[in-house]
C-alpha atoms as a PDB file:
ATOM      1  CA  MET A   1     103.056-154.062 143.419  1.00  0.00           C
ATOM      2  CA  ASP A   2      99.641-152.447 143.928  1.00  0.00           C
ATOM      3  CA  PHE A   3      97.345-155.027 145.529  1.00  0.00           C
ATOM      4  CA  ASN A   4      94.299-153.005 144.444  1.00  0.00           C
ATOM      5  CA  ASP A   5      94.979-154.152 140.864  1.00  0.00           C
ATOM      6  CA  TYR A   6      94.359-157.783 141.860  1.00  0.00           C
ATOM      7  CA  LYS A   7      90.782-158.985 142.270  1.00  0.00           C
ATOM      8  CA  GLY A   8      88.968-162.285 142.083  1.00  0.00           C
ATOM      9  CA  VAL A   9      89.460-165.926 143.020  1.00  0.00           C
ATOM     10  CA  TRP A  10      90.516-168.405 140.338  1.00  0.00           C
ATOM     11  CA  VAL A  11      90.457-172.190 140.197  1.00  0.00           C
ATOM     12  CA  PHE A  12      92.568-174.122 137.708  1.00  0.00           C
ATOM     13  CA  ILE A  13      90.095-176.572 136.173  1.00  0.00           C
ATOM     14  CA  GLU A  14      91.787-179.900 135.654  1.00  0.00           C
ATOM     15  CA  GLN A  15      90.166-182.137 133.064  1.00  0.00           C
ATOM     16  CA  LYS A  16      90.770-185.470 131.436  1.00  0.00           C
ATOM     17  CA  ASP A  17      88.895-187.534 128.855  1.00  0.00           C
ATOM     18  CA  GLY A  18      86.098-184.980 128.631  1.00  0.00           C
ATOM     19  CA  GLU A  19      85.400-184.750 132.366  1.00  0.00           C
ATOM     20  CA  VAL A  20      86.245-182.158 134.995  1.00  0.00           C
ATOM     21  CA  ALA A  21      88.356-183.617 137.810  1.00  0.00           C
ATOM     22  CA  SER A  22      86.463-183.992 141.090  1.00  0.00           C
ATOM     23  CA  VAL A  23      89.123-182.022 142.964  1.00  0.00           C
ATOM     24  CA  SER A  24      88.414-179.021 140.712  1.00  0.00           C
ATOM     25  CA  LEU A  25      84.711-179.202 141.591  1.00  0.00           C
ATOM     26  CA  GLU A  26      85.671-179.306 145.266  1.00  0.00           C
ATOM     27  CA  LEU A  27      87.872-176.242 144.796  1.00  0.00           C
ATOM     28  CA  LEU A  28      85.051-174.370 143.093  1.00  0.00           C
ATOM     29  CA  GLY A  29      83.048-174.923 146.288  1.00  0.00           C
ATOM     30  CA  ALA A  30      85.889-173.630 148.452  1.00  0.00           C
ATOM     31  CA  GLY A  31      86.604-170.795 146.042  1.00  0.00           C
ATOM     32  CA  ARG A  32      82.960-169.737 146.055  1.00  0.00           C
ATOM     33  CA  LYS A  33      83.108-169.200 149.815  1.00  0.00           C
ATOM     34  CA  LEU A  34      86.313-167.171 149.547  1.00  0.00           C
ATOM     35  CA  ALA A  35      84.961-165.065 146.683  1.00  0.00           C
ATOM     36  CA  ASP A  36      81.670-164.365 148.456  1.00  0.00           C
ATOM     37  CA  LYS A  37      83.509-163.332 151.617  1.00  0.00           C
ATOM     38  CA  ARG A  38      85.603-160.906 149.593  1.00  0.00           C
ATOM     39  CA  GLY A  39      82.732-159.732 147.405  1.00  0.00           C
ATOM     40  CA  VAL A  40      84.566-160.678 144.199  1.00  0.00           C
ATOM     41  CA  GLU A  41      83.900-163.062 141.330  1.00  0.00           C
ATOM     42  CA  LEU A  42      84.942-166.691 141.117  1.00  0.00           C
ATOM     43  CA  ALA A  43      86.536-167.753 137.858  1.00  0.00           C
ATOM     44  CA  GLY A  44      87.771-171.021 136.417  1.00  0.00           C
ATOM     45  CA  ILE A  45      90.657-171.297 133.979  1.00  0.00           C
ATOM     46  CA  LEU A  46      90.117-174.180 131.567  1.00  0.00           C
ATOM     47  CA  ILE A  47      92.917-175.319 129.263  1.00  0.00           C
ATOM     48  CA  GLY A  48      92.825-178.120 126.702  1.00  0.00           C
ATOM     49  CA  GLU A  49      91.540-179.247 123.329  1.00  0.00           C
ATOM     50  CA  HIS A  50      87.760-179.394 122.790  1.00  0.00           C
ATOM     51  CA  VAL A  51      87.117-178.320 126.374  1.00  0.00           C
ATOM     52  CA  LYS A  52      84.624-175.500 125.874  1.00  0.00           C
ATOM     53  CA  PRO A  53      81.582-177.782 126.547  1.00  0.00           C
ATOM     54  CA  LEU A  54      82.960-178.315 130.073  1.00  0.00           C
ATOM     55  CA  THR A  55      82.229-174.681 130.934  1.00  0.00           C
ATOM     56  CA  LYS A  56      78.630-175.763 131.607  1.00  0.00           C
ATOM     57  CA  THR A  57      79.812-177.958 134.484  1.00  0.00           C
ATOM     58  CA  VAL A  58      82.135-175.252 135.819  1.00  0.00           C
ATOM     59  CA  PHE A  59      79.275-172.736 135.966  1.00  0.00           C
ATOM     60  CA  GLU A  60      76.918-175.220 137.617  1.00  0.00           C
ATOM     61  CA  TYR A  61      79.456-175.783 140.400  1.00  0.00           C
ATOM     62  CA  GLY A  62      79.855-172.106 141.236  1.00  0.00           C
ATOM     63  CA  ALA A  63      81.999-170.151 138.763  1.00  0.00           C
ATOM     64  CA  ASP A  64      80.934-166.743 137.458  1.00  0.00           C
ATOM     65  CA  THR A  65      83.477-166.626 134.614  1.00  0.00           C
ATOM     66  CA  VAL A  66      85.522-169.220 132.763  1.00  0.00           C
ATOM     67  CA  TYR A  67      88.685-168.335 130.865  1.00  0.00           C
ATOM     68  CA  VAL A  68      89.062-170.896 128.067  1.00  0.00           C
ATOM     69  CA  TYR A  69      92.260-171.786 126.219  1.00  0.00           C
ATOM     70  CA  GLU A  70      91.235-174.254 123.529  1.00  0.00           C
ATOM     71  CA  GLN A  71      93.977-175.120 121.046  1.00  0.00           C
ATOM     72  CA  PRO A  72      95.453-178.356 119.612  1.00  0.00           C
ATOM     73  CA  LEU A  73      98.744-177.742 121.420  1.00  0.00           C
ATOM     74  CA  PHE A  74      96.859-178.172 124.718  1.00  0.00           C
ATOM     75  CA  LYS A  75      95.647-181.684 123.831  1.00  0.00           C
ATOM     76  CA  HIS A  76      98.022-183.246 126.369  1.00  0.00           C
ATOM     77  CA  TYR A  77      99.274-181.632 129.547  1.00  0.00           C
ATOM     78  CA  ARG A  78     102.755-180.168 129.191  1.00  0.00           C
ATOM     79  CA  THR A  79     104.203-177.811 131.765  1.00  0.00           C
ATOM     80  CA  GLU A  80     105.455-175.368 129.141  1.00  0.00           C
ATOM     81  CA  THR A  81     102.144-174.877 127.301  1.00  0.00           C
ATOM     82  CA  TYR A  82      99.818-174.774 130.309  1.00  0.00           C
ATOM     83  CA  MET A  83     102.218-172.526 132.198  1.00  0.00           C
ATOM     84  CA  LYS A  84     102.316-170.090 129.258  1.00  0.00           C
ATOM     85  CA  ALA A  85      98.509-169.877 129.183  1.00  0.00           C
ATOM     86  CA  LEU A  86      98.152-169.383 132.916  1.00  0.00           C
ATOM     87  CA  LEU A  87     100.904-166.781 133.097  1.00  0.00           C
ATOM     88  CA  GLU A  88      99.464-164.733 130.238  1.00  0.00           C
ATOM     89  CA  CYS A  89      95.954-164.933 131.670  1.00  0.00           C
ATOM     90  CA  SER A  90      97.099-164.009 135.165  1.00  0.00           C
ATOM     91  CA  ASP A  91      99.134-161.075 133.855  1.00  0.00           C
ATOM     92  CA  LYS A  92      96.150-159.807 131.861  1.00  0.00           C
ATOM     93  CA  TYR A  93      93.327-160.214 134.414  1.00  0.00           C
ATOM     94  CA  LYS A  94      95.260-160.174 137.726  1.00  0.00           C
ATOM     95  CA  PRO A  95      93.471-162.511 140.177  1.00  0.00           C
ATOM     96  CA  GLU A  96      94.230-162.175 143.885  1.00  0.00           C
ATOM     97  CA  ILE A  97      94.042-165.941 144.539  1.00  0.00           C
ATOM     98  CA  ILE A  98      94.629-169.023 142.365  1.00  0.00           C
ATOM     99  CA  LEU A  99      93.797-172.529 143.636  1.00  0.00           C
ATOM    100  CA  TYR A 100      95.011-175.813 142.147  1.00  0.00           C
ATOM    101  CA  GLY A 101      94.271-179.432 143.002  1.00  0.00           C
ATOM    102  CA  ALA A 102      97.228-181.151 144.682  1.00  0.00           C
ATOM    103  CA  THR A 103      97.437-183.709 141.874  1.00  0.00           C
ATOM    104  CA  SER A 104     100.539-184.514 139.851  1.00  0.00           C
ATOM    105  CA  THR A 105      99.364-182.013 137.224  1.00  0.00           C
ATOM    106  CA  GLY A 106      98.286-179.338 139.688  1.00  0.00           C
ATOM    107  CA  LYS A 107     101.486-179.516 141.734  1.00  0.00           C
ATOM    108  CA  ASP A 108     103.683-179.389 138.643  1.00  0.00           C
ATOM    109  CA  LEU A 109     101.833-176.445 137.115  1.00  0.00           C
ATOM    110  CA  ALA A 110     101.476-174.429 140.321  1.00  0.00           C
ATOM    111  CA  SER A 111     105.161-174.690 141.202  1.00  0.00           C
ATOM    112  CA  ALA A 112     106.202-173.664 137.686  1.00  0.00           C
ATOM    113  CA  VAL A 113     103.829-170.686 137.670  1.00  0.00           C
ATOM    114  CA  ALA A 114     104.893-169.587 141.165  1.00  0.00           C
ATOM    115  CA  THR A 115     108.541-169.572 140.122  1.00  0.00           C
ATOM    116  CA  ASP A 116     107.915-167.429 137.061  1.00  0.00           C
ATOM    117  CA  LEU A 117     105.488-164.870 138.479  1.00  0.00           C
ATOM    118  CA  PRO A 118     107.128-164.901 141.138  1.00  0.00           C
ATOM    119  CA  THR A 119     104.866-165.438 144.121  1.00  0.00           C
ATOM    120  CA  GLY A 120     104.372-167.756 147.057  1.00  0.00           C
ATOM    121  CA  LEU A 121     102.777-171.193 146.917  1.00  0.00           C
ATOM    122  CA  THR A 122     101.373-173.172 149.831  1.00  0.00           C
ATOM    123  CA  ALA A 123     101.407-176.898 149.028  1.00  0.00           C
ATOM    124  CA  ASP A 124      98.980-179.596 150.204  1.00  0.00           C
ATOM    125  CA  THR A 125      96.640-177.189 151.956  1.00  0.00           C
ATOM    126  CA  THR A 126      93.860-178.705 154.059  1.00  0.00           C
ATOM    127  CA  GLU A 127      92.063-175.530 155.224  1.00  0.00           C
ATOM    128  CA  LEU A 128      91.367-172.245 153.429  1.00  0.00           C
ATOM    129  CA  ASP A 129      90.074-168.890 154.602  1.00  0.00           C
ATOM    130  CA  VAL A 130      90.529-165.259 153.623  1.00  0.00           C
ATOM    131  CA  GLU A 131      90.633-161.973 155.514  1.00  0.00           C
ATOM    132  CA  GLU A 132      87.577-160.080 154.351  1.00  0.00           C
ATOM    133  CA  GLU A 133      89.164-156.618 154.335  1.00  0.00           C
ATOM    134  CA  THR A 134      92.760-157.304 153.271  1.00  0.00           C
ATOM    135  CA  GLY A 135      92.168-160.274 150.966  1.00  0.00           C
ATOM    136  CA  LEU A 136      95.005-162.142 152.669  1.00  0.00           C
ATOM    137  CA  LEU A 137      94.670-165.877 151.988  1.00  0.00           C
ATOM    138  CA  LEU A 138      94.944-168.048 155.106  1.00  0.00           C
ATOM    139  CA  ALA A 139      96.206-171.393 153.829  1.00  0.00           C
ATOM    140  CA  SER A 140      96.664-174.014 156.560  1.00  0.00           C
ATOM    141  CA  ARG A 141      98.395-177.392 156.482  1.00  0.00           C
ATOM    142  CA  PRO A 142      99.990-179.800 158.958  1.00  0.00           C
ATOM    143  CA  ALA A 143     103.665-179.131 159.704  1.00  0.00           C
ATOM    144  CA  PHE A 144     106.545-180.635 161.692  1.00  0.00           C
ATOM    145  CA  GLY A 145     105.567-184.205 160.949  1.00  0.00           C
ATOM    146  CA  GLY A 146     101.883-183.501 161.417  1.00  0.00           C
ATOM    147  CA  ASN A 147     102.236-182.371 165.014  1.00  0.00           C
ATOM    148  CA  ILE A 148     100.898-178.838 164.459  1.00  0.00           C
ATOM    149  CA  MET A 149      98.764-176.923 161.981  1.00  0.00           C
ATOM    150  CA  ALA A 150     100.580-174.040 160.272  1.00  0.00           C
ATOM    151  CA  THR A 151      98.778-171.157 158.582  1.00  0.00           C
ATOM    152  CA  ILE A 152     100.898-169.795 155.753  1.00  0.00           C
ATOM    153  CA  LEU A 153     100.536-166.243 154.429  1.00  0.00           C
ATOM    154  CA  CYS A 154     101.803-164.500 151.310  1.00  0.00           C
ATOM    155  CA  LYS A 155     101.895-160.868 152.434  1.00  0.00           C
ATOM    156  CA  LYS A 156     104.102-159.274 149.788  1.00  0.00           C
ATOM    157  CA  TYR A 157     103.071-160.768 146.458  1.00  0.00           C
ATOM    158  CA  ARG A 158     100.008-161.409 144.320  1.00  0.00           C
ATOM    159  CA  PRO A 159      98.407-163.608 143.227  1.00  0.00           C
ATOM    160  CA  GLN A 160      98.403-165.849 146.292  1.00  0.00           C
ATOM    161  CA  MET A 161      98.459-169.523 145.354  1.00  0.00           C
ATOM    162  CA  ALA A 162      97.783-172.859 147.013  1.00  0.00           C
ATOM    163  CA  THR A 163      97.415-176.504 146.062  1.00  0.00           C
ATOM    164  CA  VAL A 164      94.640-178.378 147.868  1.00  0.00           C
ATOM    165  CA  ARG A 165      94.316-182.111 148.368  1.00  0.00           C
ATOM    166  CA  ALA A 166      91.413-184.061 146.915  1.00  0.00           C
ATOM    167  CA  ASN A 167      88.530-184.983 149.249  1.00  0.00           C
ATOM    168  CA  VAL A 168      89.385-182.200 151.713  1.00  0.00           C
ATOM    169  CA  MET A 169      86.970-179.526 150.467  1.00  0.00           C
ATOM    170  CA  LYS A 170      83.301-180.021 149.661  1.00  0.00           C
ATOM    171  CA  ALA A 171      81.858-179.392 146.221  1.00  0.00           C
ATOM    172  CA  LEU A 172      78.636-177.390 146.140  1.00  0.00           C
ATOM    173  CA  PRO A 173      75.475-179.099 144.902  1.00  0.00           C
ATOM    174  CA  PRO A 174      75.335-178.365 141.156  1.00  0.00           C
ATOM    175  CA  GLU A 175      72.908-175.610 140.179  1.00  0.00           C
ATOM    176  CA  VAL A 176      71.526-176.953 136.911  1.00  0.00           C
ATOM    177  CA  GLY A 177      71.063-174.254 134.300  1.00  0.00           C
ATOM    178  CA  ARG A 178      73.387-171.777 135.997  1.00  0.00           C
ATOM    179  CA  ILE A 179      75.274-169.737 133.424  1.00  0.00           C
ATOM    180  CA  GLY A 180      78.162-167.305 133.383  1.00  0.00           C
ATOM    181  CA  LYS A 181      80.617-165.495 131.141  1.00  0.00           C
ATOM    182  CA  VAL A 182      82.970-167.386 128.836  1.00  0.00           C
ATOM    183  CA  VAL A 183      86.174-165.544 127.897  1.00  0.00           C
ATOM    184  CA  GLU A 184      88.080-167.245 125.078  1.00  0.00           C
ATOM    185  CA  GLU A 185      91.827-166.664 124.961  1.00  0.00           C
ATOM    186  CA  THR A 186      94.781-167.926 122.920  1.00  0.00           C
ATOM    187  CA  VAL A 187      98.518-168.088 123.560  1.00  0.00           C
ATOM    188  CA  SER A 188     101.250-166.768 121.313  1.00  0.00           C
ATOM    189  CA  LEU A 189     102.928-170.164 121.039  1.00  0.00           C
ATOM    190  CA  LYS A 190     103.434-172.585 118.165  1.00  0.00           C
ATOM    191  CA  GLU A 191     104.003-176.328 118.357  1.00  0.00           C
ATOM    192  CA  GLU A 192     107.467-176.015 116.833  1.00  0.00           C
ATOM    193  CA  ASP A 193     108.450-173.642 119.657  1.00  0.00           C
ATOM    194  CA  ILE A 194     107.663-176.201 122.372  1.00  0.00           C
ATOM    195  CA  ARG A 195     110.609-178.239 123.612  1.00  0.00           C
ATOM    196  CA  THR A 196     108.551-181.114 125.016  1.00  0.00           C
ATOM    197  CA  LYS A 197     106.827-183.517 122.635  1.00  0.00           C
ATOM    198  CA  VAL A 198     104.264-186.137 123.624  1.00  0.00           C
ATOM    199  CA  LEU A 199     105.138-189.253 121.646  1.00  0.00           C
ATOM    200  CA  GLU A 200     102.684-191.710 123.175  1.00  0.00           C
ATOM    201  CA  ILE A 201     100.272-192.040 126.091  1.00  0.00           C
ATOM    202  CA  VAL A 202     100.567-195.455 127.737  1.00  0.00           C
ATOM    203  CA  LYS A 203      97.716-196.230 130.092  1.00  0.00           C
ATOM    204  CA  GLU A 204      98.623-198.228 133.181  1.00  0.00           C
ATOM    205  CA  THR A 205      97.118-201.691 133.230  1.00  0.00           C
ATOM    206  CA  VAL A 206      98.029-202.567 136.824  1.00  0.00           C
ATOM    207  CA  LYS A 207      95.023-202.275 139.102  1.00  0.00           C
ATOM    208  CA  LYS A 208      95.678-199.628 141.742  1.00  0.00           C
ATOM    209  CA  VAL A 209      94.379-199.597 145.287  1.00  0.00           C
ATOM    210  CA  ARG A 210      91.830-196.752 145.494  1.00  0.00           C
ATOM    211  CA  ILE A 211      90.818-196.488 149.132  1.00  0.00           C
ATOM    212  CA  ASP A 212      89.644-192.928 148.437  1.00  0.00           C
ATOM    213  CA  GLU A 213      86.714-194.387 146.485  1.00  0.00           C
ATOM    214  CA  ALA A 214      85.575-196.880 149.153  1.00  0.00           C
ATOM    215  CA  ASP A 215      82.344-196.469 151.140  1.00  0.00           C
ATOM    216  CA  ILE A 216      83.888-198.267 154.126  1.00  0.00           C
ATOM    217  CA  VAL A 217      87.518-197.947 155.212  1.00  0.00           C
ATOM    218  CA  VAL A 218      88.957-200.035 158.043  1.00  0.00           C
ATOM    219  CA  ALA A 219      92.261-198.481 159.116  1.00  0.00           C
ATOM    220  CA  GLY A 220      94.790-199.813 161.580  1.00  0.00           C
ATOM    221  CA  GLY A 221      97.679-198.275 163.449  1.00  0.00           C
ATOM    222  CA  LYS A 222     100.840-199.240 165.283  1.00  0.00           C
ATOM    223  CA  GLY A 223      98.724-200.090 168.317  1.00  0.00           C
ATOM    224  CA  LEU A 224      98.060-203.471 166.690  1.00  0.00           C
ATOM    225  CA  GLY A 225     101.599-204.400 167.614  1.00  0.00           C
ATOM    226  CA  SER A 226     102.851-206.378 164.625  1.00  0.00           C
ATOM    227  CA  TYR A 227     102.292-207.430 161.023  1.00  0.00           C
ATOM    228  CA  GLU A 228     100.397-210.462 162.296  1.00  0.00           C
ATOM    229  CA  GLY A 229      98.238-208.308 164.534  1.00  0.00           C
ATOM    230  CA  PHE A 230      97.452-206.002 161.602  1.00  0.00           C
ATOM    231  CA  GLN A 231      95.793-208.915 159.797  1.00  0.00           C
ATOM    232  CA  LEU A 232      92.808-208.265 162.077  1.00  0.00           C
ATOM    233  CA  ILE A 233      92.167-205.131 159.991  1.00  0.00           C
ATOM    234  CA  HIS A 234      92.072-207.204 156.797  1.00  0.00           C
ATOM    235  CA  HIS A 235      89.571-209.611 158.366  1.00  0.00           C
ATOM    236  CA  LEU A 236      87.178-206.824 159.396  1.00  0.00           C
ATOM    237  CA  ALA A 237      87.499-205.060 156.037  1.00  0.00           C
ATOM    238  CA  GLU A 238      86.793-208.317 154.192  1.00  0.00           C
ATOM    239  CA  THR A 239      83.716-208.962 156.335  1.00  0.00           C
ATOM    240  CA  LEU A 240      82.304-205.513 155.589  1.00  0.00           C
ATOM    241  CA  GLY A 241      83.372-205.372 151.944  1.00  0.00           C
ATOM    242  CA  GLY A 242      85.532-202.365 152.755  1.00  0.00           C
ATOM    243  CA  ALA A 243      89.037-201.154 151.945  1.00  0.00           C
ATOM    244  CA  VAL A 244      92.064-201.394 154.226  1.00  0.00           C
ATOM    245  CA  GLY A 245      93.679-198.183 155.421  1.00  0.00           C
ATOM    246  CA  ALA A 246      96.704-197.578 157.605  1.00  0.00           C
ATOM    247  CA  SER A 247      98.572-194.960 159.579  1.00  0.00           C
ATOM    248  CA  ARG A 248     102.011-193.713 158.492  1.00  0.00           C
ATOM    249  CA  ASP A 249     103.752-195.731 161.217  1.00  0.00           C
ATOM    250  CA  VAL A 250     102.253-198.953 159.897  1.00  0.00           C
ATOM    251  CA  VAL A 251     103.393-198.239 156.333  1.00  0.00           C
ATOM    252  CA  GLU A 252     106.889-197.291 157.501  1.00  0.00           C
ATOM    253  CA  ALA A 253     107.028-200.542 159.478  1.00  0.00           C
ATOM    254  CA  GLY A 254     106.353-202.461 156.256  1.00  0.00           C
ATOM    255  CA  TRP A 255     103.064-204.015 157.367  1.00  0.00           C
ATOM    256  CA  ILE A 256     101.257-202.714 154.252  1.00  0.00           C
ATOM    257  CA  ASP A 257     102.061-200.723 151.117  1.00  0.00           C
ATOM    258  CA  HIS A 258     101.945-196.928 150.820  1.00  0.00           C
ATOM    259  CA  PRO A 259      98.747-196.732 148.670  1.00  0.00           C
ATOM    260  CA  HIS A 260      96.857-197.722 151.836  1.00  0.00           C
ATOM    261  CA  GLN A 261      98.257-194.856 153.922  1.00  0.00           C
ATOM    262  CA  VAL A 262      95.692-192.318 155.122  1.00  0.00           C
ATOM    263  CA  GLY A 263      96.818-188.834 156.063  1.00  0.00           C
ATOM    264  CA  GLN A 264      98.791-185.800 155.008  1.00  0.00           C
ATOM    265  CA  THR A 265     101.534-187.880 153.393  1.00  0.00           C
ATOM    266  CA  GLY A 266      99.098-190.481 152.089  1.00  0.00           C
ATOM    267  CA  VAL A 267      95.533-190.471 150.813  1.00  0.00           C
ATOM    268  CA  THR A 268      92.612-188.311 151.897  1.00  0.00           C
ATOM    269  CA  VAL A 269      89.433-190.384 152.254  1.00  0.00           C
ATOM    270  CA  THR A 270      85.775-189.523 152.797  1.00  0.00           C
ATOM    271  CA  PRO A 271      84.000-192.872 153.209  1.00  0.00           C
ATOM    272  CA  LYS A 272      80.554-193.301 154.713  1.00  0.00           C
ATOM    273  CA  ILE A 273      82.149-195.275 157.585  1.00  0.00           C
ATOM    274  CA  TYR A 274      85.749-195.066 158.824  1.00  0.00           C
ATOM    275  CA  PHE A 275      87.169-197.411 161.458  1.00  0.00           C
ATOM    276  CA  ALA A 276      90.305-196.175 163.245  1.00  0.00           C
ATOM    277  CA  ILE A 277      91.696-199.140 165.160  1.00  0.00           C
ATOM    278  CA  GLY A 278      94.872-198.828 167.214  1.00  0.00           C
ATOM    279  CA  ILE A 279      95.440-195.353 165.752  1.00  0.00           C
ATOM    280  CA  SER A 280      96.410-192.617 168.202  1.00  0.00           C
ATOM    281  CA  GLY A 281      95.107-189.736 166.109  1.00  0.00           C
ATOM    282  CA  ALA A 282      98.049-187.519 165.106  1.00  0.00           C
ATOM    283  CA  ILE A 283      97.089-184.390 163.152  1.00  0.00           C
ATOM    284  CA  GLN A 284      98.706-185.681 159.985  1.00  0.00           C
ATOM    285  CA  HIS A 285      96.363-188.694 160.074  1.00  0.00           C
ATOM    286  CA  ILE A 286      93.250-186.765 161.117  1.00  0.00           C
ATOM    287  CA  VAL A 287      93.435-184.411 158.112  1.00  0.00           C
ATOM    288  CA  GLY A 288      93.204-187.445 155.848  1.00  0.00           C
ATOM    289  CA  MET A 289      89.920-188.820 157.262  1.00  0.00           C
ATOM    290  CA  LYS A 290      88.161-186.097 159.272  1.00  0.00           C
ATOM    291  CA  ASN A 291      85.448-185.587 156.641  1.00  0.00           C
ATOM    292  CA  SER A 292      84.277-189.207 156.800  1.00  0.00           C
ATOM    293  CA  GLY A 293      80.556-189.673 157.325  1.00  0.00           C
ATOM    294  CA  LEU A 294      80.883-191.806 160.489  1.00  0.00           C
ATOM    295  CA  ILE A 295      84.129-192.328 162.395  1.00  0.00           C
ATOM    296  CA  ILE A 296      84.451-195.218 164.858  1.00  0.00           C
ATOM    297  CA  ALA A 297      87.602-195.411 166.984  1.00  0.00           C
ATOM    298  CA  ILE A 298      88.962-198.318 169.026  1.00  0.00           C
ATOM    299  CA  ASN A 299      91.970-197.739 171.263  1.00  0.00           C
ATOM    300  CA  LYS A 300      93.250-198.917 174.651  1.00  0.00           C
ATOM    301  CA  ASP A 301      94.379-195.396 175.584  1.00  0.00           C
ATOM    302  CA  LYS A 302      91.354-193.388 176.710  1.00  0.00           C
ATOM    303  CA  GLU A 303      93.417-190.191 176.310  1.00  0.00           C
ATOM    304  CA  ALA A 304      94.232-190.885 172.653  1.00  0.00           C
ATOM    305  CA  PRO A 305      93.524-187.818 170.441  1.00  0.00           C
ATOM    306  CA  ILE A 306      91.494-189.983 168.061  1.00  0.00           C
ATOM    307  CA  PHE A 307      88.629-189.900 170.581  1.00  0.00           C
ATOM    308  CA  GLN A 308      88.365-186.132 170.065  1.00  0.00           C
ATOM    309  CA  ASN A 309      87.836-186.724 166.356  1.00  0.00           C
ATOM    310  CA  CYS A 310      85.318-189.550 166.175  1.00  0.00           C
ATOM    311  CA  HIS A 311      81.573-190.035 166.418  1.00  0.00           C
ATOM    312  CA  TYR A 312      81.800-193.250 168.445  1.00  0.00           C
ATOM    313  CA  GLY A 313      84.741-194.404 170.526  1.00  0.00           C
ATOM    314  CA  ILE A 314      85.462-197.712 172.231  1.00  0.00           C
ATOM    315  CA  VAL A 315      88.169-197.849 174.901  1.00  0.00           C
ATOM    316  CA  GLY A 316      89.545-201.353 175.007  1.00  0.00           C
ATOM    317  CA  ASP A 317      91.730-204.050 173.469  1.00  0.00           C
ATOM    318  CA  ALA A 318      91.187-204.308 169.703  1.00  0.00           C
ATOM    319  CA  PHE A 319      92.026-208.025 169.825  1.00  0.00           C
ATOM    320  CA  GLU A 320      89.049-208.586 172.108  1.00  0.00           C
ATOM    321  CA  ILE A 321      86.642-206.111 170.475  1.00  0.00           C
ATOM    322  CA  VAL A 322      87.209-206.579 166.737  1.00  0.00           C
ATOM    323  CA  PRO A 323      86.606-210.383 166.655  1.00  0.00           C
ATOM    324  CA  VAL A 324      83.261-209.783 168.374  1.00  0.00           C
ATOM    325  CA  LEU A 325      82.406-207.109 165.802  1.00  0.00           C
ATOM    326  CA  ILE A 326      83.338-209.447 162.959  1.00  0.00           C
ATOM    327  CA  GLU A 327      81.051-212.186 164.287  1.00  0.00           C
ATOM    328  CA  GLN A 328      78.186-209.757 164.843  1.00  0.00           C
ATOM    329  CA  PHE A 329      78.593-208.221 161.375  1.00  0.00           C
ATOM    330  CA  LYS A 330      78.716-211.668 159.765  1.00  0.00           C
ATOM    331  CA  HIS A 331      75.521-212.658 161.592  1.00  0.00           C
ATOM    332  CA  ALA A 332      73.757-209.412 160.648  1.00  0.00           C
ATOM    333  CA  LEU A 333      74.829-209.633 157.019  1.00  0.00           C
ATOM    334  CA  SER A 334      73.820-213.296 156.685  1.00  0.00           C
ATOM    335  CA  SER A 335      70.441-212.565 158.292  1.00  0.00           C
ATOM    336  CA  ASN A 336      69.931-209.709 155.881  1.00  0.00           C
ATOM    337  CA  LYS A 337      70.619-212.038 152.914  1.00  0.00           C
ATOM    338  CA  VAL A 338      68.107-214.568 154.235  1.00  0.00           C
ATOM    339  CA  MET A 339      65.452-211.857 154.614  1.00  0.00           C
ATOM    340  CA  LYS A 340      66.043-210.752 151.020  1.00  0.00           C
END
């Protein structure tokens, strides 16, 4: 394998209902930095039915080229069809790096492509960098239960691939009017050749907890002592109109359901304000909230790692501090309503 044949950074552009997924826009921002460092182009690969108009968005968020596969057989995501397109495109144009969002679609597609190429795949990456001269992708993620950060390399194969969690990278501000090159491609595949058939799409009607969309997240950890003690988090969140988050230990203890878990094995959040109460600050939790606008930590242990990862820290008993905060917030919010 001659690495000199492989050039460029690609992002798989995930789309649904006529919109580009936010994680793909974030990856275009990360990919732009990698491509600029290497002095190569950034490309998006867009697969679907009636998706060509989305190239405008992809260019505005940083891509130089977009490879478009637009056929009826791509109307719904199926591993077999999308994998065929990506494999043929990769074999033809030979990118050095391909990035995918760590969504259900991105993880499924990336693992299938990696198996067939074959090449390496780093899953759930939280940090990306590249060696300027060698083009070696430095994909980092928490390991050993979140106790260390591991940087994973793919030294012997190309392209190098990684899935990246949503809300970890930052999308670039869109450059309205930015244009690039559209390359239209097709796959040598017919509907009758595809083993998987989509019979019906059933949309879920149950309302899901989406703490990743909240402006304020109040998260609690095992330091609150018990299920009853954790109710303090609910009270503060309700006062502020925020969402409730939790550490892995709290979820494993059964104090709250998994959709509320923040961290490497939970949700990545980027609220305007994040409260970390009774949370020690293990790496696996930090990677899920470190990009929050303002982080406020409350913990009795002054040596807790969370204090190295917050903007404001309060050393003390949460059961003494949080009730005071609730009363003060209630007073401030009621005063604000009166003034309005």
